[in-house]
C-alpha atoms as a PDB file:
ATOM      1  CA  MET A   1     -66.857 119.484  24.404  1.00  0.00           C
ATOM      2  CA  ARG A   2     -63.426 119.683  25.979  1.00  0.00           C
ATOM      3  CA  ILE A   3     -63.584 117.507  28.678  1.00  0.00           C
ATOM      4  CA  LEU A   4     -61.478 117.471  32.096  1.00  0.00           C
ATOM      5  CA  LEU A   5     -61.024 113.999  33.190  1.00  0.00           C
ATOM      6  CA  VAL A   6     -59.339 113.498  36.793  1.00  0.00           C
ATOM      7  CA  LEU A   7     -58.423 110.418  38.190  1.00  0.00           C
ATOM      8  CA  ALA A   8     -57.582 109.825  41.864  1.00  0.00           C
ATOM      9  CA  HIS A   9     -56.918 106.585  42.766  1.00  0.00           C
ATOM     10  CA  PRO A  10     -52.653 105.213  43.639  1.00  0.00           C
ATOM     11  CA  LEU A  11     -53.093 101.883  41.618  1.00  0.00           C
ATOM     12  CA  GLU A  12     -51.891 102.146  37.781  1.00  0.00           C
ATOM     13  CA  ASP A  13     -53.834  98.747  37.317  1.00  0.00           C
ATOM     14  CA  SER A  14     -57.428  99.943  39.457  1.00  0.00           C
ATOM     15  CA  PHE A  15     -60.749  99.086  38.510  1.00  0.00           C
ATOM     16  CA  ALA A  16     -60.993 103.533  38.568  1.00  0.00           C
ATOM     17  CA  ALA A  17     -58.310 102.759  35.488  1.00  0.00           C
ATOM     18  CA  SER A  18     -59.906 100.707  33.628  1.00  0.00           C
ATOM     19  CA  VAL A  19     -62.916 102.946  34.107  1.00  0.00           C
ATOM     20  CA  ALA A  20     -61.272 106.042  33.132  1.00  0.00           C
ATOM     21  CA  LYS A  21     -59.866 104.182  30.343  1.00  0.00           C
ATOM     22  CA  ALA A  22     -63.631 103.001  29.336  1.00  0.00           C
ATOM     23  CA  ALA A  23     -64.658 106.286  29.519  1.00  0.00           C
ATOM     24  CA  LYS A  24     -61.802 108.588  27.918  1.00  0.00           C
ATOM     25  CA  GLU A  25     -62.339 106.066  24.822  1.00  0.00           C
ATOM     26  CA  THR A  26     -65.568 106.142  24.467  1.00  0.00           C
ATOM     27  CA  LEU A  27     -65.749 110.162  24.886  1.00  0.00           C
ATOM     28  CA  GLU A  28     -63.047 110.708  22.133  1.00  0.00           C
ATOM     29  CA  GLY A  29     -65.349 108.207  20.161  1.00  0.00           C
ATOM     30  CA  ARG A  30     -67.765 110.633  20.240  1.00  0.00           C
ATOM     31  CA  GLY A  31     -65.561 112.942  18.984  1.00  0.00           C
ATOM     32  CA  HIS A  32     -64.733 114.912  22.482  1.00  0.00           C
ATOM     33  CA  SER A  33     -61.503 116.186  23.189  1.00  0.00           C
ATOM     34  CA  VAL A  34     -60.567 114.626  26.277  1.00  0.00           C
ATOM     35  CA  ASP A  35     -57.504 115.805  29.132  1.00  0.00           C
ATOM     36  CA  LEU A  36     -56.763 113.436  31.029  1.00  0.00           C
ATOM     37  CA  LEU A  37     -55.256 114.143  34.536  1.00  0.00           C
ATOM     38  CA  ASP A  38     -54.113 111.491  36.868  1.00  0.00           C
ATOM     39  CA  LEU A  39     -53.233 112.647  39.844  1.00  0.00           C
ATOM     40  CA  TYR A  40     -51.065 110.193  41.607  1.00  0.00           C
ATOM     41  CA  ARG A  41     -48.604 109.696  38.302  1.00  0.00           C
ATOM     42  CA  GLU A  42     -48.492 113.547  37.936  1.00  0.00           C
ATOM     43  CA  GLY A  43     -47.366 113.801  41.543  1.00  0.00           C
ATOM     44  CA  PHE A  44     -50.012 116.254  42.255  1.00  0.00           C
ATOM     45  CA  GLU A  45     -49.412 117.461  46.469  1.00  0.00           C
ATOM     46  CA  SER A  46     -52.857 117.394  47.875  1.00  0.00           C
ATOM     47  CA  ARG A  47     -51.740 119.588  51.022  1.00  0.00           C
ATOM     48  CA  MET A  48     -52.181 123.181  50.760  1.00  0.00           C
ATOM     49  CA  THR A  49     -49.206 125.289  50.886  1.00  0.00           C
ATOM     50  CA  GLY A  50     -48.917 128.017  53.542  1.00  0.00           C
ATOM     51  CA  ALA A  51     -48.618 130.987  51.000  1.00  0.00           C
ATOM     52  CA  GLU A  52     -51.619 129.068  49.221  1.00  0.00           C
ATOM     53  CA  ARG A  53     -53.936 129.664  52.363  1.00  0.00           C
ATOM     54  CA  ALA A  54     -52.361 132.790  53.879  1.00  0.00           C
ATOM     55  CA  SER A  55     -53.813 134.804  50.409  1.00  0.00           C
ATOM     56  CA  TYR A  56     -56.922 132.546  50.289  1.00  0.00           C
ATOM     57  CA  PHE A  57     -58.965 135.843  51.482  1.00  0.00           C
ATOM     58  CA  ALA A  58     -56.415 138.094  50.080  1.00  0.00           C
ATOM     59  CA  GLU A  59     -56.642 140.043  46.888  1.00  0.00           C
ATOM     60  CA  ARG A  60     -54.983 137.573  45.467  1.00  0.00           C
ATOM     61  CA  TYR A  61     -54.638 133.851  45.732  1.00  0.00           C
ATOM     62  CA  ASP A  62     -51.120 132.423  45.329  1.00  0.00           C
ATOM     63  CA  ALA A  63     -51.768 129.448  42.519  1.00  0.00           C
ATOM     64  CA  ALA A  64     -48.089 129.247  41.710  1.00  0.00           C
ATOM     65  CA  GLU A  65     -48.041 125.551  42.417  1.00  0.00           C
ATOM     66  CA  VAL A  66     -50.784 124.639  40.757  1.00  0.00           C
ATOM     67  CA  ALA A  67     -50.928 127.570  38.230  1.00  0.00           C
ATOM     68  CA  GLY A  68     -50.577 124.390  35.115  1.00  0.00           C
ATOM     69  CA  TRP A  69     -53.562 122.450  36.940  1.00  0.00           C
ATOM     70  CA  ILE A  70     -55.494 125.701  37.190  1.00  0.00           C
ATOM     71  CA  GLU A  71     -55.157 126.070  33.573  1.00  0.00           C
ATOM     72  CA  ARG A  72     -56.407 122.714  32.041  1.00  0.00           C
ATOM     73  CA  LEU A  73     -59.521 123.227  34.290  1.00  0.00           C
ATOM     74  CA  GLN A  74     -60.074 126.548  32.645  1.00  0.00           C
ATOM     75  CA  ALA A  75     -60.034 125.135  29.650  1.00  0.00           C
ATOM     76  CA  ALA A  76     -62.721 122.650  29.968  1.00  0.00           C
ATOM     77  CA  ASP A  77     -66.578 122.321  28.741  1.00  0.00           C
ATOM     78  CA  GLY A  78     -66.966 119.260  31.368  1.00  0.00           C
ATOM     79  CA  LEU A  79     -65.419 118.136  34.376  1.00  0.00           C
ATOM     80  CA  MET A  80     -65.563 113.998  35.083  1.00  0.00           C
ATOM     81  CA  LEU A  81     -64.321 112.502  38.027  1.00  0.00           C
ATOM     82  CA  VAL A  82     -62.829 108.861  38.632  1.00  0.00           C
ATOM     83  CA  VAL A  83     -62.821 108.096  41.883  1.00  0.00           C
ATOM     84  CA  PRO A  84     -63.242 105.138  44.611  1.00  0.00           C
ATOM     85  CA  GLN A  85     -64.869 105.938  48.221  1.00  0.00           C
ATOM     86  CA  TRP A  86     -63.024 105.462  50.670  1.00  0.00           C
ATOM     87  CA  TRP A  87     -64.521 105.512  54.206  1.00  0.00           C
ATOM     88  CA  PHE A  88     -67.550 107.236  52.901  1.00  0.00           C
ATOM     89  CA  ASN A  89     -65.414 110.458  50.831  1.00  0.00           C
ATOM     90  CA  PHE A  90     -63.356 110.621  48.294  1.00  0.00           C
ATOM     91  CA  PRO A  91     -59.477 110.119  48.406  1.00  0.00           C
ATOM     92  CA  ALA A  92     -56.887 112.518  50.292  1.00  0.00           C
ATOM     93  CA  ILE A  93     -55.639 113.713  46.656  1.00  0.00           C
ATOM     94  CA  LEU A  94     -58.713 114.522  45.654  1.00  0.00           C
ATOM     95  CA  LYS A  95     -59.937 116.742  48.640  1.00  0.00           C
ATOM     96  CA  GLY A  96     -56.436 118.126  47.745  1.00  0.00           C
ATOM     97  CA  PHE A  97     -57.161 119.115  44.112  1.00  0.00           C
ATOM     98  CA  PHE A  98     -60.432 120.998  45.339  1.00  0.00           C
ATOM     99  CA  ASP A  99     -58.578 122.744  48.135  1.00  0.00           C
ATOM    100  CA  ARG A 100     -56.393 124.100  45.988  1.00  0.00           C
ATOM    101  CA  VAL A 101     -57.327 124.022  42.618  1.00  0.00           C
ATOM    102  CA  PHE A 102     -60.910 124.728  43.014  1.00  0.00           C
ATOM    103  CA  ALA A 103     -59.398 128.368  44.703  1.00  0.00           C
ATOM    104  CA  PRO A 104     -60.561 131.962  45.259  1.00  0.00           C
ATOM    105  CA  GLY A 105     -60.454 133.499  41.692  1.00  0.00           C
ATOM    106  CA  VAL A 106     -60.382 130.533  40.113  1.00  0.00           C
ATOM    107  CA  ALA A 107     -63.874 127.825  40.629  1.00  0.00           C
ATOM    108  CA  PHE A 108     -65.379 131.205  42.991  1.00  0.00           C
ATOM    109  CA  GLU A 109     -65.204 135.033  44.529  1.00  0.00           C
ATOM    110  CA  HIS A 110     -65.721 136.227  48.079  1.00  0.00           C
ATOM    111  CA  ASP A 111     -68.730 137.661  48.094  1.00  0.00           C
ATOM    112  CA  PRO A 112     -67.692 140.945  49.692  1.00  0.00           C
ATOM    113  CA  ALA A 113     -70.611 141.553  51.605  1.00  0.00           C
ATOM    114  CA  GLY A 114     -69.699 138.202  53.289  1.00  0.00           C
ATOM    115  CA  GLY A 115     -72.117 136.374  51.911  1.00  0.00           C
ATOM    116  CA  ARG A 116     -72.639 133.848  49.330  1.00  0.00           C
ATOM    117  CA  ILE A 117     -69.448 133.126  46.968  1.00  0.00           C
ATOM    118  CA  ILE A 118     -69.971 133.741  43.792  1.00  0.00           C
ATOM    119  CA  PRO A 119     -68.709 130.946  41.198  1.00  0.00           C
ATOM    120  CA  ARG A 120     -66.331 131.721  38.746  1.00  0.00           C
ATOM    121  CA  LEU A 121     -66.451 128.255  36.815  1.00  0.00           C
ATOM    122  CA  THR A 122     -69.238 129.200  33.827  1.00  0.00           C
ATOM    123  CA  ASN A 123     -66.851 126.711  31.615  1.00  0.00           C
ATOM    124  CA  ILE A 124     -68.389 124.013  33.345  1.00  0.00           C
ATOM    125  CA  LYS A 125     -71.391 122.884  31.470  1.00  0.00           C
ATOM    126  CA  LEU A 126     -70.921 119.400  32.495  1.00  0.00           C
ATOM    127  CA  PHE A 127     -69.998 117.717  35.595  1.00  0.00           C
ATOM    128  CA  TRP A 128     -70.175 113.469  36.407  1.00  0.00           C
ATOM    129  CA  ALA A 129     -68.486 111.116  38.935  1.00  0.00           C
ATOM    130  CA  LEU A 130     -67.974 107.590  37.790  1.00  0.00           C
ATOM    131  CA  THR A 131     -67.450 106.287  41.342  1.00  0.00           C
ATOM    132  CA  THR A 132     -67.111 103.179  43.497  1.00  0.00           C
ATOM    133  CA  THR A 133     -67.482 101.925  46.807  1.00  0.00           C
ATOM    134  CA  GLY A 134     -67.505  99.220  48.868  1.00  0.00           C
ATOM    135  CA  SER A 135     -70.268  99.246  50.922  1.00  0.00           C
ATOM    136  CA  PRO A 136     -73.671  97.521  49.490  1.00  0.00           C
ATOM    137  CA  TRP A 137     -76.607 100.551  47.866  1.00  0.00           C
ATOM    138  CA  TRP A 138     -78.835 100.951  51.248  1.00  0.00           C
ATOM    139  CA  VAL A 139     -75.268 101.595  53.630  1.00  0.00           C
ATOM    140  CA  VAL A 140     -74.706 104.459  50.911  1.00  0.00           C
ATOM    141  CA  HIS A 141     -77.967 106.125  50.353  1.00  0.00           C
ATOM    142  CA  LEU A 142     -80.173 104.954  53.227  1.00  0.00           C
ATOM    143  CA  TYR A 143     -77.597 104.711  56.244  1.00  0.00           C
ATOM    144  CA  MET A 144     -75.359 107.336  55.074  1.00  0.00           C
ATOM    145  CA  GLY A 145     -77.510 109.962  52.736  1.00  0.00           C
ATOM    146  CA  ASN A 146     -74.881 109.454  49.961  1.00  0.00           C
ATOM    147  CA  PRO A 147     -72.594 111.811  51.273  1.00  0.00           C
ATOM    148  CA  VAL A 148     -69.982 111.636  48.551  1.00  0.00           C
ATOM    149  CA  ARG A 149     -73.029 112.793  45.719  1.00  0.00           C
ATOM    150  CA  ARG A 150     -74.170 115.504  48.215  1.00  0.00           C
ATOM    151  CA  LEU A 151     -70.680 117.077  48.912  1.00  0.00           C
ATOM    152  CA  LEU A 152     -70.279 116.948  45.017  1.00  0.00           C
ATOM    153  CA  LYS A 153     -73.433 118.110  43.660  1.00  0.00           C
ATOM    154  CA  ARG A 154     -74.864 120.329  46.506  1.00  0.00           C
ATOM    155  CA  GLY A 155     -71.241 121.865  47.411  1.00  0.00           C
ATOM    156  CA  ILE A 156     -68.779 121.998  44.626  1.00  0.00           C
ATOM    157  CA  ALA A 157     -70.974 121.874  41.754  1.00  0.00           C
ATOM    158  CA  ALA A 158     -73.503 124.482  42.850  1.00  0.00           C
ATOM    159  CA  PHE A 159     -70.904 126.543  44.313  1.00  0.00           C
ATOM    160  CA  CYS A 160     -68.496 126.763  41.662  1.00  0.00           C
ATOM    161  CA  SER A 161     -70.774 126.721  38.533  1.00  0.00           C
ATOM    162  CA  LYS A 162     -73.898 127.652  37.178  1.00  0.00           C
ATOM    163  CA  ASP A 163     -76.709 125.453  35.286  1.00  0.00           C
ATOM    164  CA  LEU A 164     -73.988 122.281  34.331  1.00  0.00           C
ATOM    165  CA  ARG A 165     -75.454 118.754  34.142  1.00  0.00           C
ATOM    166  CA  PHE A 166     -74.799 116.953  37.115  1.00  0.00           C
ATOM    167  CA  ARG A 167     -74.855 113.208  37.561  1.00  0.00           C
ATOM    168  CA  MET A 168     -73.053 110.064  39.362  1.00  0.00           C
ATOM    169  CA  VAL A 169     -72.675 106.160  38.861  1.00  0.00           C
ATOM    170  CA  SER A 170     -71.538 104.414  41.257  1.00  0.00           C
ATOM    171  CA  LEU A 171     -70.535 100.841  41.673  1.00  0.00           C
ATOM    172  CA  HIS A 172     -71.670  99.403  45.151  1.00  0.00           C
ATOM    173  CA  ASP A 173     -70.489  96.544  46.900  1.00  0.00           C
ATOM    174  CA  MET A 174     -67.113  96.571  45.215  1.00  0.00           C
ATOM    175  CA  ASP A 175     -65.180  94.828  46.994  1.00  0.00           C
ATOM    176  CA  ARG A 176     -67.320  91.402  46.234  1.00  0.00           C
ATOM    177  CA  ALA A 177     -67.993  92.896  42.677  1.00  0.00           C
ATOM    178  CA  THR A 178     -67.525  89.665  40.642  1.00  0.00           C
ATOM    179  CA  GLU A 179     -65.734  89.990  37.014  1.00  0.00           C
ATOM    180  CA  ALA A 180     -68.945  90.043  35.554  1.00  0.00           C
ATOM    181  CA  LYS A 181     -70.450  92.433  37.361  1.00  0.00           C
ATOM    182  CA  ARG A 182     -67.482  94.624  36.964  1.00  0.00           C
ATOM    183  CA  LYS A 183     -67.914  94.081  33.227  1.00  0.00           C
ATOM    184  CA  ARG A 184     -71.574  95.464  33.148  1.00  0.00           C
ATOM    185  CA  HIS A 185     -70.399  98.542  34.975  1.00  0.00           C
ATOM    186  CA  ILE A 186     -68.267  99.499  32.220  1.00  0.00           C
ATOM    187  CA  LYS A 187     -70.598  98.553  29.385  1.00  0.00           C
ATOM    188  CA  ARG A 188     -72.878 100.911  31.755  1.00  0.00           C
ATOM    189  CA  VAL A 189     -70.517 104.026  31.631  1.00  0.00           C
ATOM    190  CA  ARG A 190     -69.574 102.889  27.632  1.00  0.00           C
ATOM    191  CA  ALA A 191     -73.553 103.639  27.520  1.00  0.00           C
ATOM    192  CA  LEU A 192     -74.484 106.382  29.215  1.00  0.00           C
ATOM    193  CA  LEU A 193     -71.229 108.365  28.174  1.00  0.00           C
ATOM    194  CA  SER A 194     -71.969 107.658  24.438  1.00  0.00           C
ATOM    195  CA  ARG A 195     -74.778 109.819  24.629  1.00  0.00           C
ATOM    196  CA  ILE A 196     -73.371 113.151  25.611  1.00  0.00           C
END
């Protein structure tokens, strides 16, 4: 399987970077091809351009500035995100990636009758999110209703692809996580990914 592994963290020595490294090693060890897309290191600009927005409902979306990233998404069989949750959402750079790359004609088509959008990312059969959050489990799930999972699964995954396997694996209470807890989490990630 060809997997696009998207890392969205500004610090090169972050725990997210360690998770991405472990994910890449584990997946490649299982024979998968992994394309690591480090949004910060690749200089991805999160702001949508005027040309992109002006063409959003036109016959053809102006993808000139993001064509390379679109090609990588379209070449993948699976998408895996490694991302922290900040303020119960993902970082702006990942939101910009969705806004600019998951565009009309790429991830979906507008329904001519004005109804639901039509999924176009039929190549994506696996969609995983490996996340961390500073809040305890009960705050994320019981108080906030797990908004990142809802956005990714019910919004992006459901509207852009069909029949994919979605999974989200989170380390909660990250701000107080001991080294031992972090190591256990990476071990868990490796164990789960070794089943793909």
